Amino acid sequence: MTALMVALGAAVGAPARYLTDRAVQRRHPSPFPWGTLVVNVVGSFVLGVVVSAGSRGHEATVVALLGTGFCGALTTYSTFSWETLRLVERGEGGVAALNVVASVVAGLVAAALGWAVGTPLR
């Protein structure tokens, strides 16, 4: 049952990532990978809420569906890494460094905010 919940969440999260990334990049045509930053920050926030609200343990199915499945497919460390390396290869080291700092800091802040939002839902 848990594996099915993960698969169902991923079936929604992966297309959501693709569509969000394309929509954001279309609105902000620049070398900076705004689309990947947005999906990673949103996924970090949602995961913070889900894990915090489900931390009592009896909501394992919801955590598998939304946390592991949806957020796991929505966010993308591999694309973040590839886009950062691509920026370096193009000689845009400053933009690459900004991408790393912005992604890590914004992701951590979003996860903490999500945790704070989810805590009263326990």
Foldseek 3Di string as FASTA:
>chain_A
DLVVLLQQLQVVQQVVLVVQQVVVCVVPVDLQSPSLLVLLLVLLLQLLQQCLLCVVPPVSSSCSNNPNRNSVNSHDPPVLVVSLVVCVVVVNPVSSVVSVVSSVVSSVVSSVNSNVVNNVND
